[in-house]
Structure formats: structure tokens, C-alpha cells
PDB file of N, CA and C in Angstrom:
ATOM      1  N   MET A   1      69.725-189.164-152.758  1.00  0.00           N
ATOM      2  CA  MET A   1      68.328-189.609-152.267  1.00  0.00           C
ATOM      3  C   MET A   1      67.836-188.927-151.447  1.00  0.00           C
ATOM      4  N   PRO A   2      66.282-188.445-151.748  1.00  0.00           N
ATOM      5  CA  PRO A   2      65.504-187.683-150.845  1.00  0.00           C
ATOM      6  C   PRO A   2      65.617-188.227-149.552  1.00  0.00           C
ATOM      7  N   ALA A   3      65.209-187.187-148.653  1.00  0.00           N
ATOM      8  CA  ALA A   3      65.274-187.563-147.105  1.00  0.00           C
ATOM      9  C   ALA A   3      64.356-188.469-146.705  1.00  0.00           C
ATOM     10  N   ASP A   4      62.991-188.339-147.713  1.00  0.00           N
ATOM     11  CA  ASP A   4      61.942-189.433-147.106  1.00  0.00           C
ATOM     12  C   ASP A   4      62.019-190.754-147.492  1.00  0.00           C
ATOM     13  N   ARG A   5      62.952-191.213-148.178  1.00  0.00           N
ATOM     14  CA  ARG A   5      63.418-192.413-148.840  1.00  0.00           C
ATOM     15  C   ARG A   5      64.641-193.093-148.226  1.00  0.00           C
ATOM     16  N   PRO A   6      64.652-193.790-147.188  1.00  0.00           N
ATOM     17  CA  PRO A   6      65.902-194.510-146.897  1.00  0.00           C
ATOM     18  C   PRO A   6      66.683-195.160-147.971  1.00  0.00           C
ATOM     19  N   ASP A   7      68.206-195.256-147.854  1.00  0.00           N
ATOM     20  CA  ASP A   7      68.992-195.906-148.675  1.00  0.00           C
ATOM     21  C   ASP A   7      69.140-197.291-148.278  1.00  0.00           C
ATOM     22  N   PRO A   8      68.679-198.210-149.204  1.00  0.00           N
ATOM     23  CA  PRO A   8      68.667-199.667-149.096  1.00  0.00           C
ATOM     24  C   PRO A   8      70.139-200.155-148.704  1.00  0.00           C
ATOM     25  N   ALA A   9      70.996-199.475-149.083  1.00  0.00           N
ATOM     26  CA  ALA A   9      72.493-199.924-149.009  1.00  0.00           C
ATOM     27  C   ALA A   9      72.720-199.957-147.545  1.00  0.00           C
ATOM     28  N   GLN A  10      71.906-198.851-146.904  1.00  0.00           N
ATOM     29  CA  GLN A  10      72.395-198.612-145.329  1.00  0.00           C
ATOM     30  C   GLN A  10      71.820-199.722-144.580  1.00  0.00           C
ATOM     31  N   GLY A  11      70.800-200.443-145.084  1.00  0.00           N
ATOM     32  CA  GLY A  11      70.411-201.340-144.245  1.00  0.00           C
ATOM     33  C   GLY A  11      68.917-201.097-143.657  1.00  0.00           C
ATOM     34  N   ALA A  12      68.315-200.149-143.911  1.00  0.00           N
ATOM     35  CA  ALA A  12      67.509-199.464-143.574  1.00  0.00           C
ATOM     36  C   ALA A  12      65.935-200.166-144.288  1.00  0.00           C
ATOM     37  N   LEU A  13      64.923-200.192-143.642  1.00  0.00           N
ATOM     38  CA  LEU A  13      63.798-200.956-144.463  1.00  0.00           C
ATOM     39  C   LEU A  13      63.107-199.958-145.479  1.00  0.00           C
ATOM     40  N   VAL A  14      62.667-200.455-146.685  1.00  0.00           N
ATOM     41  CA  VAL A  14      62.128-199.695-147.431  1.00  0.00           C
ATOM     42  C   VAL A  14      60.675-199.720-147.798  1.00  0.00           C
ATOM     43  N   ARG A  15      59.835-198.734-147.685  1.00  0.00           N
ATOM     44  CA  ARG A  15      58.497-198.959-147.788  1.00  0.00           C
ATOM     45  C   ARG A  15      58.219-199.246-149.228  1.00  0.00           C
ATOM     46  N   ALA A  16      57.638-200.233-149.573  1.00  0.00           N
ATOM     47  CA  ALA A  16      57.449-200.977-150.795  1.00  0.00           C
ATOM     48  C   ALA A  16      56.159-201.532-150.918  1.00  0.00           C
ATOM     49  N   LEU A  17      55.319-201.373-149.887  1.00  0.00           N
ATOM     50  CA  LEU A  17      53.973-202.097-150.013  1.00  0.00           C
ATOM     51  C   LEU A  17      52.825-200.587-149.915  1.00  0.00           C
ATOM     52  N   GLY A  18      52.463-200.685-151.411  1.00  0.00           N
ATOM     53  CA  GLY A  18      51.487-199.550-151.461  1.00  0.00           C
ATOM     54  C   GLY A  18      49.815-199.572-150.950  1.00  0.00           C
ATOM     55  N   VAL A  19      49.249-198.827-151.139  1.00  0.00           N
ATOM     56  CA  VAL A  19      47.709-199.087-150.600  1.00  0.00           C
ATOM     57  C   VAL A  19      47.076-200.024-151.362  1.00  0.00           C
ATOM     58  N   ARG A  20      47.360-200.098-152.518  1.00  0.00           N
ATOM     59  CA  ARG A  20      46.681-201.226-153.555  1.00  0.00           C
ATOM     60  C   ARG A  20      46.987-202.726-153.038  1.00  0.00           C
ATOM     61  N   ALA A  21      48.271-202.897-152.763  1.00  0.00           N
ATOM     62  CA  ALA A  21      49.024-204.240-152.683  1.00  0.00           C
ATOM     63  C   ALA A  21      48.410-204.436-151.024  1.00  0.00           C
ATOM     64  N   LEU A  22      48.222-203.744-150.372  1.00  0.00           N
ATOM     65  CA  LEU A  22      47.679-203.735-148.859  1.00  0.00           C
ATOM     66  C   LEU A  22      46.311-204.238-148.998  1.00  0.00           C
ATOM     67  N   ALA A  23      45.594-203.692-149.820  1.00  0.00           N
ATOM     68  CA  ALA A  23      44.017-204.039-149.966  1.00  0.00           C
ATOM     69  C   ALA A  23      44.032-205.265-150.697  1.00  0.00           C
ATOM     70  N   VAL A  24      44.787-205.756-151.278  1.00  0.00           N
ATOM     71  CA  VAL A  24      44.807-207.126-152.074  1.00  0.00           C
ATOM     72  C   VAL A  24      45.209-208.000-150.965  1.00  0.00           C
ATOM     73  N   ASN A  25      46.267-207.895-150.161  1.00  0.00           N
ATOM     74  CA  ASN A  25      46.681-208.520-149.280  1.00  0.00           C
ATOM     75  C   ASN A  25      45.688-208.778-148.056  1.00  0.00           C
ATOM     76  N   ILE A  26      44.836-208.020-147.914  1.00  0.00           N
ATOM     77  CA  ILE A  26      43.813-207.879-146.851  1.00  0.00           C
ATOM     78  C   ILE A  26      42.533-208.811-147.452  1.00  0.00           C
ATOM     79  N   VAL A  27      42.182-208.755-148.543  1.00  0.00           N
ATOM     80  CA  VAL A  27      41.164-209.454-149.213  1.00  0.00           C
ATOM     81  C   VAL A  27      41.425-211.029-149.361  1.00  0.00           C
ATOM     82  N   ASN A  28      43.019-211.151-149.464  1.00  0.00           N
ATOM     83  CA  ASN A  28      43.401-212.512-149.599  1.00  0.00           C
ATOM     84  C   ASN A  28      43.238-213.217-148.374  1.00  0.00           C
ATOM     85  N   MET A  29      43.753-212.674-147.173  1.00  0.00           N
ATOM     86  CA  MET A  29      43.772-213.091-146.041  1.00  0.00           C
ATOM     87  C   MET A  29      42.177-213.622-145.808  1.00  0.00           C
ATOM     88  N   ILE A  30      41.076-212.776-145.967  1.00  0.00           N
ATOM     89  CA  ILE A  30      39.694-212.867-145.716  1.00  0.00           C
ATOM     90  C   ILE A  30      39.209-213.933-146.471  1.00  0.00           C
ATOM     91  N   VAL A  31      39.679-214.100-147.730  1.00  0.00           N
ATOM     92  CA  VAL A  31      39.252-215.212-148.439  1.00  0.00           C
ATOM     93  C   VAL A  31      40.314-216.599-148.031  1.00  0.00           C
ATOM     94  N   GLY A  32      41.214-216.547-147.826  1.00  0.00           N
ATOM     95  CA  GLY A  32      42.173-217.691-147.378  1.00  0.00           C
ATOM     96  C   GLY A  32      41.517-218.026-146.013  1.00  0.00           C
ATOM     97  N   SER A  33      41.089-217.469-145.074  1.00  0.00           N
ATOM     98  CA  SER A  33      40.437-217.769-143.796  1.00  0.00           C
ATOM     99  C   SER A  33      39.277-218.326-144.012  1.00  0.00           C
ATOM    100  N   GLY A  34      38.112-217.974-144.908  1.00  0.00           N
ATOM    101  CA  GLY A  34      37.082-218.544-145.303  1.00  0.00           C
ATOM    102  C   GLY A  34      37.193-220.051-145.805  1.00  0.00           C
ATOM    103  N   MET A  35      38.121-220.141-146.589  1.00  0.00           N
ATOM    104  CA  MET A  35      38.720-221.608-147.043  1.00  0.00           C
ATOM    105  C   MET A  35      38.691-222.670-146.278  1.00  0.00           C
ATOM    106  N   PHE A  36      39.323-222.334-144.930  1.00  0.00           N
ATOM    107  CA  PHE A  36      39.357-223.200-144.036  1.00  0.00           C
ATOM    108  C   PHE A  36      38.313-223.227-142.912  1.00  0.00           C
ATOM    109  N   GLU A  37      37.576-222.140-142.748  1.00  0.00           N
ATOM    110  CA  GLU A  37      36.298-222.201-141.907  1.00  0.00           C
ATOM    111  C   GLU A  37      35.317-223.005-142.483  1.00  0.00           C
ATOM    112  N   LEU A  38      35.028-222.719-143.788  1.00  0.00           N
ATOM    113  CA  LEU A  38      33.872-223.472-144.345  1.00  0.00           C
ATOM    114  C   LEU A  38      33.908-225.036-144.257  1.00  0.00           C
ATOM    115  N   PRO A  39      34.887-225.601-144.542  1.00  0.00           N
ATOM    116  CA  PRO A  39      34.901-227.024-144.484  1.00  0.00           C
ATOM    117  C   PRO A  39      34.829-227.554-143.136  1.00  0.00           C
ATOM    118  N   ALA A  40      35.279-226.833-141.877  1.00  0.00           N
ATOM    119  CA  ALA A  40      34.965-227.074-140.734  1.00  0.00           C
ATOM    120  C   ALA A  40      33.470-227.090-140.216  1.00  0.00           C
ATOM    121  N   ALA A  41      32.812-225.921-140.873  1.00  0.00           N
ATOM    122  CA  ALA A  41      31.461-225.618-140.511  1.00  0.00           C
ATOM    123  C   ALA A  41      30.648-226.957-141.235  1.00  0.00           C
ATOM    124  N   VAL A  42      31.067-227.264-142.393  1.00  0.00           N
ATOM    125  CA  VAL A  42      30.350-228.242-143.186  1.00  0.00           C
ATOM    126  C   VAL A  42      30.519-229.702-142.547  1.00  0.00           C
ATOM    127  N   ALA A  43      31.815-229.909-141.892  1.00  0.00           N
ATOM    128  CA  ALA A  43      32.057-231.223-141.348  1.00  0.00           C
ATOM    129  C   ALA A  43      31.157-231.179-140.101  1.00  0.00           C
ATOM    130  N   ALA A  44      31.040-230.351-139.329  1.00  0.00           N
ATOM    131  CA  ALA A  44      30.558-230.117-138.037  1.00  0.00           C
ATOM    132  C   ALA A  44      28.753-230.358-138.305  1.00  0.00           C
ATOM    133  N   VAL A  45      28.373-229.798-139.486  1.00  0.00           N
ATOM    134  CA  VAL A  45      26.843-229.871-139.665  1.00  0.00           C
ATOM    135  C   VAL A  45      26.659-231.303-140.147  1.00  0.00           C
ATOM    136  N   LEU A  46      27.510-231.931-141.086  1.00  0.00           N
ATOM    137  CA  LEU A  46      27.231-233.041-141.976  1.00  0.00           C
ATOM    138  C   LEU A  46      27.788-234.452-141.364  1.00  0.00           C
ATOM    139  N   GLY A  47      28.929-234.221-140.510  1.00  0.00           N
ATOM    140  CA  GLY A  47      29.412-235.465-139.896  1.00  0.00           C
ATOM    141  C   GLY A  47      30.185-236.349-140.807  1.00  0.00           C
ATOM    142  N   PRO A  48      30.008-237.552-140.791  1.00  0.00           N
ATOM    143  CA  PRO A  48      30.900-238.377-141.629  1.00  0.00           C
ATOM    144  C   PRO A  48      30.419-238.231-142.959  1.00  0.00           C
ATOM    145  N   SER A  49      29.456-237.824-143.368  1.00  0.00           N
ATOM    146  CA  SER A  49      28.918-237.745-144.799  1.00  0.00           C
ATOM    147  C   SER A  49      29.481-236.470-145.784  1.00  0.00           C
ATOM    148  N   SER A  50      30.197-235.860-144.868  1.00  0.00           N
ATOM    149  CA  SER A  50      30.781-234.556-145.279  1.00  0.00           C
ATOM    150  C   SER A  50      31.649-234.715-146.490  1.00  0.00           C
ATOM    151  N   GLY A  51      32.398-236.028-146.534  1.00  0.00           N
ATOM    152  CA  GLY A  51      33.230-236.257-147.810  1.00  0.00           C
ATOM    153  C   GLY A  51      32.381-236.509-148.901  1.00  0.00           C
ATOM    154  N   ILE A  52      31.286-237.146-148.816  1.00  0.00           N
ATOM    155  CA  ILE A  52      30.511-237.240-150.000  1.00  0.00           C
ATOM    156  C   ILE A  52      29.929-236.044-150.488  1.00  0.00           C
ATOM    157  N   ALA A  53      29.374-235.248-149.504  1.00  0.00           N
ATOM    158  CA  ALA A  53      28.829-233.739-149.965  1.00  0.00           C
ATOM    159  C   ALA A  53      30.146-233.021-150.660  1.00  0.00           C
ATOM    160  N   TYR A  54      31.478-233.148-150.518  1.00  0.00           N
ATOM    161  CA  TYR A  54      32.413-232.678-151.140  1.00  0.00           C
ATOM    162  C   TYR A  54      32.669-233.122-152.518  1.00  0.00           C
ATOM    163  N   LEU A  55      32.473-234.371-152.603  1.00  0.00           N
ATOM    164  CA  LEU A  55      32.577-235.072-153.844  1.00  0.00           C
ATOM    165  C   LEU A  55      31.354-234.748-154.879  1.00  0.00           C
ATOM    166  N   VAL A  56      30.180-234.596-154.304  1.00  0.00           N
ATOM    167  CA  VAL A  56      28.961-234.018-154.987  1.00  0.00           C
ATOM    168  C   VAL A  56      29.397-232.704-155.478  1.00  0.00           C
ATOM    169  N   CYS A  57      29.749-231.793-154.463  1.00  0.00           N
ATOM    170  CA  CYS A  57      30.296-230.233-154.909  1.00  0.00           C
ATOM    171  C   CYS A  57      31.254-230.398-156.009  1.00  0.00           C
ATOM    172  N   ALA A  58      32.345-231.412-155.881  1.00  0.00           N
ATOM    173  CA  ALA A  58      33.535-231.087-156.678  1.00  0.00           C
ATOM    174  C   ALA A  58      32.778-231.514-158.181  1.00  0.00           C
ATOM    175  N   VAL A  59      31.650-232.487-158.310  1.00  0.00           N
ATOM    176  CA  VAL A  59      31.407-233.116-159.754  1.00  0.00           C
ATOM    177  C   VAL A  59      30.481-232.030-160.209  1.00  0.00           C
ATOM    178  N   ALA A  60      29.731-231.235-159.345  1.00  0.00           N
ATOM    179  CA  ALA A  60      28.855-230.025-159.918  1.00  0.00           C
ATOM    180  C   ALA A  60      29.836-228.926-160.389  1.00  0.00           C
ATOM    181  N   VAL A  61      30.951-228.669-159.689  1.00  0.00           N
ATOM    182  CA  VAL A  61      31.875-227.656-160.117  1.00  0.00           C
ATOM    183  C   VAL A  61      32.367-227.956-161.524  1.00  0.00           C
ATOM    184  N   GLY A  62      32.642-229.353-161.779  1.00  0.00           N
ATOM    185  CA  GLY A  62      33.290-230.044-162.766  1.00  0.00           C
ATOM    186  C   GLY A  62      32.574-229.857-164.089  1.00  0.00           C
ATOM    187  N   LEU A  63      31.232-229.667-163.641  1.00  0.00           N
ATOM    188  CA  LEU A  63      30.143-229.830-164.723  1.00  0.00           C
ATOM    189  C   LEU A  63      30.101-228.513-165.280  1.00  0.00           C
ATOM    190  N   VAL A  64      30.185-227.339-164.249  1.00  0.00           N
ATOM    191  CA  VAL A  64      30.123-226.182-164.821  1.00  0.00           C
ATOM    192  C   VAL A  64      30.948-225.670-165.428  1.00  0.00           C
ATOM    193  N   ARG A  65      32.385-225.782-164.912  1.00  0.00           N
ATOM    194  CA  ARG A  65      33.797-225.288-165.356  1.00  0.00           C
ATOM    195  C   ARG A  65      33.961-225.828-166.408  1.00  0.00           C
ATOM    196  N   PRO A  66      34.330-224.912-167.502  1.00  0.00           N
ATOM    197  CA  PRO A  66      34.788-225.735-168.929  1.00  0.00           C
ATOM    198  C   PRO A  66      36.343-226.469-168.786  1.00  0.00           C
ATOM    199  N   LEU A  67      36.061-227.559-169.537  1.00  0.00           N
ATOM    200  CA  LEU A  67      37.426-228.215-169.461  1.00  0.00           C
ATOM    201  C   LEU A  67      38.649-227.314-170.203  1.00  0.00           C
ATOM    202  N   PRO A  68      40.067-227.726-169.391  1.00  0.00           N
ATOM    203  CA  PRO A  68      41.026-226.657-169.912  1.00  0.00           C
ATOM    204  C   PRO A  68      41.288-227.035-171.334  1.00  0.00           C
ATOM    205  N   TRP A  69      41.148-228.047-172.085  1.00  0.00           N
ATOM    206  CA  TRP A  69      41.537-228.310-173.520  1.00  0.00           C
ATOM    207  C   TRP A  69      40.547-228.088-174.131  1.00  0.00           C
ATOM    208  N   SER A  70      39.204-227.745-173.705  1.00  0.00           N
ATOM    209  CA  SER A  70      38.255-227.546-174.795  1.00  0.00           C
ATOM    210  C   SER A  70      38.010-226.052-175.379  1.00  0.00           C
TER     211      SER A  70
END
């Protein structure tokens, strides 16, 4: 084995995460945090009616998105 690559059998850590995978993970973290931040902001603005707003949005998305069986 080359000197820059440790042998996994010896228990050393192997560098298996490339630049592309790292970039995708960063984007995933940004989008994932937004998924929790946006509902909290909507609930703060709309108060008790935020549930109704999410139902309206769900219907709108359902009308735009094609059905899986069609």
C-alpha cells in the first residue's frame, strides 16, 4: 500500500469522503436546516392559523405535482 493511504486492517481511519461528497453534504445541511426554520417562522407569523396555511399549500402542491400513477 502507498504511504499516503493507511491500511484499514490496522485500524487507521481511511479518507473516503471526496470534495464532491463534502459539497453535497453541505448543501444537504443547508436545505435540511431550512426545512425546520421555515415552519417555525410561518407559525410565528400566522399563529394558530398556520395549520390551515400548510393544508392550503399541500393542496396547491398536490395540484401542481403529477400523480404517481398517471
